């Protein structure tokens, strides 16, 4: 039972940290162009020649 006193705040803190990281990535535009990266992998670079 004493372990729960330590583990519950740690779990809530890690969840809050993950939520903050998600909101930061949304605000910084990480999810704006989801199709562009998928299409760029199929295109050849002309500068590589």
PDB file of N, CA and C in Angstrom:
ATOM      1  N   UNK A   1       0.818  -1.186   0.000  1.00  0.00           N
ATOM      2  CA  UNK A   1       0.000   0.000   0.000  1.00  0.00           C
ATOM      3  C   UNK A   1       0.867   1.258   0.000  1.00  0.00           C
ATOM      4  N   UNK A   2       2.025   1.171   0.630  1.00  0.00           N
ATOM      5  CA  UNK A   2       2.910   2.330   0.654  1.00  0.00           C
ATOM      6  C   UNK A   2       3.498   2.615  -0.728  1.00  0.00           C
ATOM      7  N   UNK A   3       3.597   1.596  -1.546  1.00  0.00           N
ATOM      8  CA  UNK A   3       4.112   1.794  -2.896  1.00  0.00           C
ATOM      9  C   UNK A   3       3.176   2.635  -3.750  1.00  0.00           C
ATOM     10  N   UNK A   4       1.878   2.516  -3.507  1.00  0.00           N
ATOM     11  CA  UNK A   4       0.906   3.297  -4.271  1.00  0.00           C
ATOM     12  C   UNK A   4       1.038   4.786  -3.993  1.00  0.00           C
ATOM     13  N   UNK A   5       1.460   5.131  -2.793  1.00  0.00           N
ATOM     14  CA  UNK A   5       1.651   6.546  -2.454  1.00  0.00           C
ATOM     15  C   UNK A   5       2.742   7.157  -3.334  1.00  0.00           C
ATOM     16  N   UNK A   6       3.683   6.352  -3.745  1.00  0.00           N
ATOM     17  CA  UNK A   6       4.754   6.816  -4.629  1.00  0.00           C
ATOM     18  C   UNK A   6       4.380   6.663  -6.104  1.00  0.00           C
ATOM     19  N   UNK A   7       3.755   5.542  -6.452  1.00  0.00           N
ATOM     20  CA  UNK A   7       3.520   5.233  -7.861  1.00  0.00           C
ATOM     21  C   UNK A   7       2.404   6.059  -8.503  1.00  0.00           C
ATOM     22  N   UNK A   8       1.362   6.374  -7.776  1.00  0.00           N
ATOM     23  CA  UNK A   8       0.247   7.136  -8.355  1.00  0.00           C
ATOM     24  C   UNK A   8       0.679   8.544  -8.766  1.00  0.00           C
ATOM     25  N   UNK A   9       1.395   9.309  -7.924  1.00  0.00           N
ATOM     26  CA  UNK A   9       1.849  10.626  -8.398  1.00  0.00           C
ATOM     27  C   UNK A   9       2.856  10.551  -9.542  1.00  0.00           C
ATOM     28  N   UNK A  10       3.691   9.508  -9.537  1.00  0.00           N
ATOM     29  CA  UNK A  10       4.647   9.347 -10.640  1.00  0.00           C
ATOM     30  C   UNK A  10       3.894   9.070 -11.944  1.00  0.00           C
ATOM     31  N   UNK A  11       2.880   8.208 -11.894  1.00  0.00           N
ATOM     32  CA  UNK A  11       2.097   7.892 -13.093  1.00  0.00           C
ATOM     33  C   UNK A  11       1.330   9.123 -13.580  1.00  0.00           C
ATOM     34  N   UNK A  12       0.754   9.885 -12.663  1.00  0.00           N
ATOM     35  CA  UNK A  12       0.042  11.096 -13.062  1.00  0.00           C
ATOM     36  C   UNK A  12       0.999  12.138 -13.639  1.00  0.00           C
ATOM     37  N   UNK A  13       2.176  12.242 -13.080  1.00  0.00           N
ATOM     38  CA  UNK A  13       3.174  13.179 -13.601  1.00  0.00           C
ATOM     39  C   UNK A  13       3.648  12.793 -14.995  1.00  0.00           C
ATOM     40  N   UNK A  14       3.874  11.503 -15.219  1.00  0.00           N
ATOM     41  CA  UNK A  14       4.298  11.053 -16.548  1.00  0.00           C
ATOM     42  C   UNK A  14       3.187  11.234 -17.577  1.00  0.00           C
ATOM     43  N   UNK A  15       1.939  11.004 -17.164  1.00  0.00           N
ATOM     44  CA  UNK A  15       0.811  11.239 -18.066  1.00  0.00           C
ATOM     45  C   UNK A  15       0.687  12.709 -18.420  1.00  0.00           C
ATOM     46  N   UNK A  16       0.855  13.581 -17.426  1.00  0.00           N
ATOM     47  CA  UNK A  16       0.811  15.020 -17.682  1.00  0.00           C
ATOM     48  C   UNK A  16       1.946  15.468 -18.583  1.00  0.00           C
ATOM     49  N   UNK A  17       3.115  14.872 -18.400  1.00  0.00           N
ATOM     50  CA  UNK A  17       4.261  15.203 -19.250  1.00  0.00           C
ATOM     51  C   UNK A  17       4.016  14.768 -20.695  1.00  0.00           C
ATOM     52  N   UNK A  18       3.438  13.594 -20.882  1.00  0.00           N
ATOM     53  CA  UNK A  18       3.093  13.136 -22.226  1.00  0.00           C
ATOM     54  C   UNK A  18       2.039  14.009 -22.871  1.00  0.00           C
ATOM     55  N   UNK A  19       1.058  14.429 -22.100  1.00  0.00           N
ATOM     56  CA  UNK A  19       0.013  15.315 -22.621  1.00  0.00           C
ATOM     57  C   UNK A  19       0.585  16.673 -23.000  1.00  0.00           C
ATOM     58  N   UNK A  20       1.500  17.187 -22.185  1.00  0.00           N
ATOM     59  CA  UNK A  20       2.146  18.461 -22.504  1.00  0.00           C
ATOM     60  C   UNK A  20       2.986  18.344 -23.773  1.00  0.00           C
ATOM     61  N   UNK A  21       3.682  17.220 -23.951  1.00  0.00           N
ATOM     62  CA  UNK A  21       4.474  17.012 -25.165  1.00  0.00           C
ATOM     63  C   UNK A  21       3.575  16.918 -26.396  1.00  0.00           C
ATOM     64  N   UNK A  22       2.421  16.285 -26.249  1.00  0.00           N
ATOM     65  CA  UNK A  22       1.481  16.192 -27.364  1.00  0.00           C
ATOM     66  C   UNK A  22       0.959  17.563 -27.754  1.00  0.00           C
ATOM     67  N   UNK A  23       0.561  18.376 -26.770  1.00  0.00           N
ATOM     68  CA  UNK A  23       0.064  19.713 -27.077  1.00  0.00           C
ATOM     69  C   UNK A  23       1.166  20.592 -27.665  1.00  0.00           C
ATOM     70  N   UNK A  24       2.401  20.422 -27.222  1.00  0.00           N
ATOM     71  CA  UNK A  24       3.511  21.179 -27.798  1.00  0.00           C
ATOM     72  C   UNK A  24       3.699  20.800 -29.270  1.00  0.00           C
ATOM     73  N   UNK A  25       3.620  19.508 -29.575  1.00  0.00           N
ATOM     74  CA  UNK A  25       3.802  19.086 -30.966  1.00  0.00           C
ATOM     75  C   UNK A  25       2.645  19.564 -31.847  1.00  0.00           C
ATOM     76  N   UNK A  26       1.454  19.635 -31.301  1.00  0.00           N
ATOM     77  CA  UNK A  26       0.330  20.166 -32.073  1.00  0.00           C
ATOM     78  C   UNK A  26       0.515  21.661 -32.346  1.00  0.00           C
ATOM     79  N   UNK A  27       0.989  22.395 -31.340  1.00  0.00           N
ATOM     80  CA  UNK A  27       1.156  23.844 -31.488  1.00  0.00           C
ATOM     81  C   UNK A  27       2.313  24.183 -32.421  1.00  0.00           C
ATOM     82  N   UNK A  28       3.340  23.327 -32.477  1.00  0.00           N
ATOM     83  CA  UNK A  28       4.501  23.634 -33.313  1.00  0.00           C
ATOM     84  C   UNK A  28       4.345  23.137 -34.750  1.00  0.00           C
ATOM     85  N   UNK A  29       3.204  22.520 -35.084  1.00  0.00           N
ATOM     86  CA  UNK A  29       2.929  22.153 -36.472  1.00  0.00           C
ATOM     87  C   UNK A  29       3.510  20.824 -36.909  1.00  0.00           C
ATOM     88  N   UNK A  30       3.688  19.888 -36.013  1.00  0.00           N
ATOM     89  CA  UNK A  30       4.250  18.590 -36.372  1.00  0.00           C
ATOM     90  C   UNK A  30       3.295  17.748 -37.215  1.00  0.00           C
ATOM     91  N   UNK A  31       2.006  17.997 -37.105  1.00  0.00           N
ATOM     92  CA  UNK A  31       1.015  17.174 -37.793  1.00  0.00           C
ATOM     93  C   UNK A  31       0.330  17.919 -38.932  1.00  0.00           C
ATOM     94  N   UNK A  32       0.938  18.940 -39.465  1.00  0.00           N
ATOM     95  CA  UNK A  32       0.303  19.743 -40.510  1.00  0.00           C
ATOM     96  C   UNK A  32       0.261  19.018 -41.859  1.00  0.00           C
ATOM     97  N   UNK A  33       1.347  18.391 -42.279  1.00  0.00           N
ATOM     98  CA  UNK A  33       1.432  17.787 -43.610  1.00  0.00           C
ATOM     99  C   UNK A  33       1.723  16.297 -43.472  1.00  0.00           C
ATOM    100  N   UNK A  34       0.689  15.510 -43.256  1.00  0.00           N
ATOM    101  CA  UNK A  34       0.887  14.075 -43.067  1.00  0.00           C
ATOM    102  C   UNK A  34       1.116  13.351 -44.389  1.00  0.00           C
ATOM    103  N   UNK A  35       0.544  13.851 -45.474  1.00  0.00           N
ATOM    104  CA  UNK A  35       0.683  13.174 -46.761  1.00  0.00           C
ATOM    105  C   UNK A  35       1.980  13.535 -47.468  1.00  0.00           C
ATOM    106  N   UNK A  36       2.557  14.679 -47.162  1.00  0.00           N
ATOM    107  CA  UNK A  36       3.775  15.113 -47.842  1.00  0.00           C
ATOM    108  C   UNK A  36       4.951  14.193 -47.587  1.00  0.00           C
ATOM    109  N   UNK A  37       5.140  13.758 -46.358  1.00  0.00           N
ATOM    110  CA  UNK A  37       6.256  12.865 -46.039  1.00  0.00           C
ATOM    111  C   UNK A  37       6.071  11.505 -46.703  1.00  0.00           C
ATOM    112  N   UNK A  38       4.828  11.039 -46.799  1.00  0.00           N
ATOM    113  CA  UNK A  38       4.563   9.751 -47.441  1.00  0.00           C
ATOM    114  C   UNK A  38       4.830   9.824 -48.933  1.00  0.00           C
ATOM    115  N   UNK A  39       4.592  10.967 -49.550  1.00  0.00           N
ATOM    116  CA  UNK A  39       4.829  11.095 -50.979  1.00  0.00           C
ATOM    117  C   UNK A  39       6.286  11.415 -51.289  1.00  0.00           C
ATOM    118  N   UNK A  40       6.972  12.104 -50.400  1.00  0.00           N
ATOM    119  CA  UNK A  40       8.375  12.452 -50.630  1.00  0.00           C
ATOM    120  C   UNK A  40       9.280  11.243 -50.670  1.00  0.00           C
ATOM    121  N   UNK A  41       8.904  10.181 -49.951  1.00  0.00           N
ATOM    122  CA  UNK A  41       9.753   8.994 -49.935  1.00  0.00           C
ATOM    123  C   UNK A  41       9.724   8.269 -51.287  1.00  0.00           C
ATOM    124  N   UNK A  42       8.654   8.488 -52.061  1.00  0.00           N
ATOM    125  CA  UNK A  42       8.525   7.837 -53.351  1.00  0.00           C
ATOM    126  C   UNK A  42       9.203   8.600 -54.485  1.00  0.00           C
ATOM    127  N   UNK A  43       9.497   9.868 -54.276  1.00  0.00           N
ATOM    128  CA  UNK A  43      10.099  10.693 -55.322  1.00  0.00           C
ATOM    129  C   UNK A  43      11.610  10.563 -55.316  1.00  0.00           C
ATOM    130  N   UNK A  44      12.208  10.544 -56.498  1.00  0.00           N
ATOM    131  CA  UNK A  44      13.661  10.499 -56.596  1.00  0.00           C
ATOM    132  C   UNK A  44      14.216  11.914 -56.481  1.00  0.00           C
ATOM    133  N   UNK A  45      15.360  12.011 -55.835  1.00  0.00           N
ATOM    134  CA  UNK A  45      16.042  13.310 -55.763  1.00  0.00           C
ATOM    135  C   UNK A  45      16.843  13.523 -57.032  1.00  0.00           C
ATOM    136  N   UNK A  46      16.603  14.616 -57.717  1.00  0.00           N
ATOM    137  CA  UNK A  46      17.329  14.902 -58.946  1.00  0.00           C
ATOM    138  C   UNK A  46      18.716  15.455 -58.647  1.00  0.00           C
ATOM    139  N   UNK A  47      18.907  16.006 -57.433  1.00  0.00           N
ATOM    140  CA  UNK A  47      20.195  16.565 -57.070  1.00  0.00           C
ATOM    141  C   UNK A  47      21.222  15.496 -56.707  1.00  0.00           C
ATOM    142  N   UNK A  48      20.784  14.269 -56.466  1.00  0.00           N
ATOM    143  CA  UNK A  48      21.693  13.204 -56.041  1.00  0.00           C
ATOM    144  C   UNK A  48      22.587  12.728 -57.185  1.00  0.00           C
ATOM    145  N   UNK A  49      22.243  13.071 -58.410  1.00  0.00           N
ATOM    146  CA  UNK A  49      23.031  12.619 -59.555  1.00  0.00           C
ATOM    147  C   UNK A  49      24.328  13.340 -59.562  1.00  0.00           C
TER     148      UNK A  49
END
